[in-house]
Protein backbone atom coordinates (compact mmCIF):
# COMPACT_ATOMS: atom_id res chain seq x y z
CA MET A 1 63.47 134.01 263.81
CA GLN A 2 65.70 132.75 266.32
CA ARG A 3 65.06 132.84 270.06
CA SER A 4 68.48 134.95 270.77
CA ARG A 5 69.40 137.27 273.06
CA LEU A 6 69.72 139.73 270.25
CA GLY A 7 66.34 139.70 268.93
CA GLN A 8 63.07 137.28 269.67
CA LEU A 9 60.68 139.18 267.47
CA ALA A 10 63.54 140.06 265.06
CA LEU A 11 67.31 140.62 264.99
CA ALA A 12 68.86 143.67 264.98
CA SER A 13 69.90 144.94 261.41
CA ALA A 14 73.44 144.43 261.90
CA ALA A 15 75.77 143.40 264.94
CA VAL A 16 77.80 146.73 264.90
CA LEU A 17 74.16 148.61 265.09
CA ALA A 18 72.95 146.62 268.29
CA ALA A 19 76.64 147.31 269.67
CA THR A 20 76.92 150.95 269.05
CA LEU A 21 73.56 152.58 267.93
CA THR A 22 70.59 150.53 269.16
CA SER A 23 72.19 148.60 271.84
CA VAL A 24 69.79 145.60 271.01
CA ALA A 25 71.94 142.88 272.78
CA ALA A 26 73.45 144.82 275.62
CA PRO A 27 72.72 147.75 278.12
CA ALA A 28 73.71 150.89 276.37
CA THR A 29 76.91 152.26 277.18
CA ALA A 30 78.44 155.52 275.39
CA ALA A 31 80.07 154.85 272.27
CA THR A 32 83.56 156.73 271.20
CA ASP A 33 83.70 158.05 267.83
CA SER A 34 86.09 155.43 267.05
CA GLU A 35 83.49 152.70 268.00
CA ILE A 36 80.70 154.05 265.63
CA PRO A 37 80.62 152.57 262.35
CA THR A 38 80.81 154.72 259.13
CA PHE A 39 77.66 154.57 256.95
CA SER A 40 79.19 152.40 254.59
CA GLU A 41 79.94 149.80 257.39
CA PHE A 42 76.85 149.97 258.82
CA HIS A 43 75.24 149.72 255.26
CA SER A 44 77.39 146.66 254.39
CA GLN A 45 76.28 144.77 257.74
CA THR A 46 72.59 145.73 257.67
CA PHE A 47 70.12 142.82 257.06
CA LYS A 48 68.48 143.18 253.43
CA ASP A 49 65.02 141.34 253.21
CA VAL A 50 63.41 139.27 250.60
CA ASP A 51 61.55 142.17 249.18
CA ASN A 52 64.64 144.31 249.29
CA GLN A 53 63.94 146.55 252.35
CA TYR A 54 66.67 146.86 255.04
CA ILE A 55 65.61 145.52 258.31
CA VAL A 56 66.48 147.90 261.55
CA ASN A 57 65.41 148.16 265.16
CA GLY A 58 64.72 144.32 265.07
CA ASP A 59 61.58 144.12 263.02
CA GLU A 60 60.98 147.62 261.11
CA PRO A 61 61.73 147.99 257.40
CA VAL A 62 63.42 151.04 255.58
CA ALA A 63 62.49 151.00 252.03
CA THR A 64 65.86 152.47 250.31
CA THR A 65 69.30 153.26 250.82
CA SER A 66 68.71 156.88 251.11
CA ASP A 67 66.13 156.07 253.85
CA LEU A 68 68.63 154.02 255.65
CA LYS A 69 71.11 156.71 255.58
CA THR A 70 68.69 159.12 257.17
CA PHE A 71 68.03 156.41 259.81
CA TYR A 72 71.74 156.15 260.48
CA GLU A 73 72.26 159.81 260.77
CA SER A 74 69.26 160.17 263.17
CA MET A 75 71.11 157.53 265.34
CA VAL A 76 74.65 158.98 265.49
CA GLY A 77 73.38 162.59 265.79
CA SER A 78 70.46 162.29 268.39
CA PRO A 79 70.77 162.26 272.13
CA LYS A 80 67.99 160.31 273.84
CA LYS A 81 64.54 161.66 274.81
CA THR A 82 64.16 162.29 278.61
CA MET A 83 60.70 162.15 278.85
CA ASP A 84 58.33 160.36 281.77
CA ASN A 85 55.80 158.86 279.89
CA GLY A 86 54.49 156.54 276.79
CA LEU A 87 53.48 153.42 275.17
CA VAL A 88 54.93 155.35 271.92
CA VAL A 89 53.82 156.10 268.69
CA ASN A 90 55.99 156.57 265.66
CA THR A 91 56.16 160.04 264.41
CA VAL A 92 57.03 161.43 260.90
CA SER A 93 58.13 165.11 260.60
CA GLY A 94 56.57 165.68 264.04
CA ARG A 95 53.46 163.99 263.33
CA ASP A 96 51.65 161.07 264.66
CA ASP A 97 52.23 158.07 262.28
CA LYS A 98 48.41 156.80 262.31
CA TRP A 99 45.91 155.58 260.24
CA SER A 100 42.79 157.95 259.54
CA ALA A 101 39.52 157.23 261.46
CA THR A 102 38.14 155.71 258.53
CA GLN A 103 40.97 153.58 257.42
CA ALA A 104 41.42 152.26 261.01
CA MET A 105 38.21 150.83 260.55
CA ASN A 106 38.93 149.01 257.45
CA LEU A 107 42.33 147.46 257.76
CA THR A 108 42.22 144.76 255.27
CA TYR A 109 44.43 142.03 254.62
CA CYS A 110 45.17 138.59 252.89
CA VAL A 111 47.22 135.45 254.26
CA SER A 112 49.28 133.91 251.28
CA THR A 113 48.48 130.46 250.68
CA LYS A 114 52.11 129.94 250.14
CA PHE A 115 52.53 129.32 253.78
CA GLY A 116 51.32 125.46 252.82
CA SER A 117 50.77 123.41 255.74
CA GLN A 118 51.25 126.21 258.01
CA TYR A 119 48.72 128.21 256.14
CA ALA A 120 45.96 127.66 258.85
CA ASN A 121 48.15 128.32 261.53
CA VAL A 122 49.05 131.86 260.13
CA VAL A 123 45.72 132.58 259.40
CA ASN A 124 44.16 131.73 263.12
CA ALA A 125 47.36 133.65 264.66
CA MET A 126 46.74 136.87 262.60
CA ALA A 127 42.94 136.80 263.67
CA ALA A 128 43.75 136.23 267.49
CA GLY A 129 46.52 138.93 267.12
CA ALA A 130 44.25 141.38 265.53
CA GLY A 131 41.59 140.62 268.11
CA GLN A 132 43.56 141.55 270.97
CA TRP A 133 43.85 145.27 269.56
CA GLU A 134 40.21 145.23 268.33
CA ALA A 135 39.07 144.31 271.75
CA ALA A 136 40.90 147.31 273.37
CA SER A 137 39.50 149.87 270.85
CA SER A 138 36.22 149.87 269.07
CA LYS A 139 37.65 152.46 266.64
CA VAL A 140 40.17 149.69 265.16
CA ASN A 141 39.19 146.90 262.73
CA PHE A 142 41.34 144.65 260.93
CA THR A 143 39.32 142.57 258.05
CA TYR A 144 40.58 139.25 256.79
CA LEU A 145 39.75 139.03 252.92
CA SER A 146 40.60 135.35 252.47
CA ALA A 147 39.44 135.66 248.70
CA ASN A 148 42.58 137.15 248.14
CA ASP A 149 45.04 134.37 249.65
CA ALA A 150 45.79 133.02 246.29
CA ASN A 151 47.36 136.32 244.93
CA CYS A 152 48.35 137.78 248.38
CA THR A 153 51.12 140.06 247.48
CA THR A 154 51.94 143.93 248.07
CA ARG A 155 50.42 144.11 244.44
CA ASN A 156 47.11 143.35 245.20
CA ASN A 157 45.15 146.51 245.77
CA ALA A 158 42.22 144.52 247.13
CA VAL A 159 43.67 144.73 250.38
CA LEU A 160 45.71 147.03 252.64
CA PHE A 161 48.35 144.59 253.17
CA SER A 162 49.49 141.24 252.86
CA VAL A 163 50.96 138.51 255.04
CA GLU A 164 53.45 136.91 253.32
CA PRO A 165 55.89 133.87 254.20
CA THR A 166 59.70 134.19 254.53
CA SER A 167 62.40 131.49 255.06
CA THR A 168 64.95 133.79 256.95
CA THR A 169 66.07 133.03 260.43
CA GLN A 170 66.84 136.89 261.06
CA TYR A 171 63.16 137.23 262.55
CA ILE A 172 60.03 135.73 263.45
CA ALA A 173 58.08 138.22 261.83
CA ARG A 174 58.41 141.83 260.76
CA ALA A 175 55.63 144.54 259.92
CA PHE A 176 55.28 148.19 258.65
CA PHE A 177 54.08 151.52 260.12
CA PRO A 178 51.00 153.29 258.57
CA SER A 179 53.35 156.07 256.81
CA THR A 180 54.87 152.71 254.71
CA ALA A 181 54.53 153.12 250.98
CA ASP A 182 51.75 150.80 249.46
CA ARG A 183 54.10 148.91 247.91
CA SER A 184 56.04 147.87 251.04
CA ARG A 185 53.05 147.15 253.29
CA ASN A 186 53.23 143.52 254.18
CA VAL A 187 53.95 141.56 257.43
CA LEU A 188 56.72 138.70 256.81
CA VAL A 189 56.41 135.72 258.79
CA ASN A 190 58.59 132.77 259.48
CA ALA A 191 56.07 130.04 260.25
CA THR A 192 58.22 127.23 261.39
CA SER A 193 59.55 129.89 264.08
CA LEU A 194 56.08 131.42 264.72
CA GLN A 195 55.07 128.26 265.94
CA ASN A 196 58.32 127.24 268.03
CA SER A 197 58.88 130.40 270.09
CA GLY A 198 58.52 129.00 273.85
CA SER A 199 56.26 131.13 275.86
CA TRP A 200 55.95 133.56 273.27
CA THR A 201 52.56 132.52 271.59
CA PRO A 202 51.90 132.81 267.74
CA SER A 203 49.06 135.16 268.55
CA ASN A 204 51.21 137.56 270.80
CA ILE A 205 53.73 137.84 268.30
CA LEU A 206 51.72 138.75 265.52
CA ALA A 207 49.88 141.15 267.78
CA HIS A 208 53.31 142.79 268.38
CA GLU A 209 53.77 143.20 264.65
CA LEU A 210 50.19 144.63 264.19
CA GLY A 211 51.11 146.94 266.79
CA HIS A 212 53.73 148.29 264.54
CA ALA A 213 50.87 148.45 261.66
CA LEU A 214 48.96 150.71 263.81
CA GLY A 215 51.77 153.16 264.51
CA PHE A 216 53.45 152.04 267.89
CA ARG A 217 56.90 151.84 268.26
CA HIS A 218 59.09 149.70 270.31
CA GLU A 219 58.65 150.43 274.22
CA HIS A 220 62.32 149.90 274.89
CA THR A 221 63.35 152.95 272.87
CA ARG A 222 62.14 154.93 276.05
CA PRO A 223 64.92 156.30 278.26
CA GLU A 224 63.59 154.04 281.30
CA ALA A 225 64.31 151.09 279.65
CA GLY A 226 67.94 151.91 280.15
CA THR A 227 69.23 150.09 276.77
CA CYS A 228 68.23 149.21 273.29
CA PHE A 229 67.52 153.07 272.58
CA GLU A 230 66.55 153.26 268.90
CA ASP A 231 65.52 157.15 268.13
CA ASN A 232 63.75 159.85 269.14
CA ASN A 233 61.09 159.75 266.20
CA TRP A 234 58.18 159.20 268.79
CA ARG A 235 55.52 160.53 271.22
CA PRO A 236 54.45 159.32 274.44
CA LEU A 237 50.96 157.97 275.02
CA THR A 238 50.86 156.27 278.44
CA PRO A 239 53.43 155.81 281.47
CA TYR A 240 56.25 153.57 280.98
CA ASP A 241 55.57 149.78 280.48
CA SER A 242 58.42 147.37 280.99
CA ALA A 243 55.82 144.61 280.37
CA SER A 244 54.40 146.04 277.24
CA ILE A 245 53.66 143.89 274.14
CA MET A 246 55.73 146.16 272.16
CA HIS A 247 58.67 145.60 274.63
CA TYR A 248 61.58 143.18 273.79
CA PRO A 249 61.98 141.18 277.16
CA GLN A 250 65.69 140.96 276.73
CA CYS A 251 65.82 144.72 276.68
CA ASN A 252 65.32 144.89 280.23
CA GLY A 253 61.43 144.26 279.55
CA THR A 254 59.72 142.37 282.31
CA SER A 255 57.07 140.18 280.28
CA SER A 256 57.91 136.39 279.71
CA ASN A 257 55.34 136.06 277.28
CA LEU A 258 54.85 139.21 275.18
CA SER A 259 51.22 139.53 276.25
CA MET A 260 49.27 142.78 276.10
CA THR A 261 48.88 144.85 279.13
CA ALA A 262 46.48 147.19 280.44
CA THR A 263 48.68 149.99 279.52
CA ASP A 264 49.15 148.80 276.07
CA ARG A 265 45.27 148.88 275.83
CA GLN A 266 45.13 152.56 277.43
CA GLY A 267 48.15 153.15 274.59
CA ILE A 268 45.33 152.26 271.68
CA VAL A 269 42.57 154.26 273.24
CA ALA A 270 44.79 157.44 273.65
CA LEU A 271 45.95 157.16 269.91
CA TYR A 272 42.42 155.75 268.03
CA GLY A 273 39.97 156.19 270.79
CA ALA A 274 37.64 153.91 272.84
C-alpha cells in the first residue's frame, strides 16, 4: 500500500467515497445532494480486489454488488452517531459481530508460501500481531497451522482463514469481519509495502487487520474524530481513543506508529473477556 494521506493501512475504495461519504482524506464537511455520487458512479469508482470483493472504508471487504449497494445506501442515508464512548465493535442487524467463545480460542490460519522471499517476514509479523491481542485477552487465541501453507487459500477448510499475497498498491493489507462468509475470510498482504511503511511496523499493521478479524471497526468512524465517518453499524466498548491501533493517523489520530493502547486492551476484554 502507498503511504498517502488517503490511506496508510488501505486506500479508500474510491476518491468520491473519500470526499463525500467516508471523508478519509479530509475533515468531514456536509456534502450537498449534487456532490453525492449516484450508486452507479460510486460502484464504477470502487476498487475491486483480486478475489472480486469491493474494498470500502480503507481495508474492509464487501462481497457482492448487492452488499455494496446496501453499504452505499447506509452511507447516504445515515446521520452520524453522537455517542460518548467506544473502541467499537462491528454490528450486524444490531448484534455484535464477534466469534463464539469456542471459536475465539481457535482462530486458525495459514500463511501462503506464495509470499516467496517475504514468506518468513509475513509469518513473523502475523505471529507478533496476533500476540498483541492474545496478550490482552486470554479468551482469544490465534493458531498458526503451517502444514497448510502450501495450500493456503480460502478453499482450505482446515483453517478458519488464509493469509495470502497481493500485488495491489491500493493498500498494505486488508482483512475481514467474523460475519464474513467462509469463502471470503482471508487477509491479503502486499509484503513489500508491509516491510517499508516507516514508523508503522509490520506487526502493528497486521495487528490492526486482526483487530478487524476479531470484529473491531475503525475508531475514526466515531463522531469524536471529526472526520472519516464510515457508518453507524457499531457499538461502543470503551472511551474514544485517538491513539487506538484501529484509528488511522490521517483521520485526526494521534499515534505515529499504530501501536496498541491500554484502551485497545480494555476493548478486547470488554468484548471477549479477560
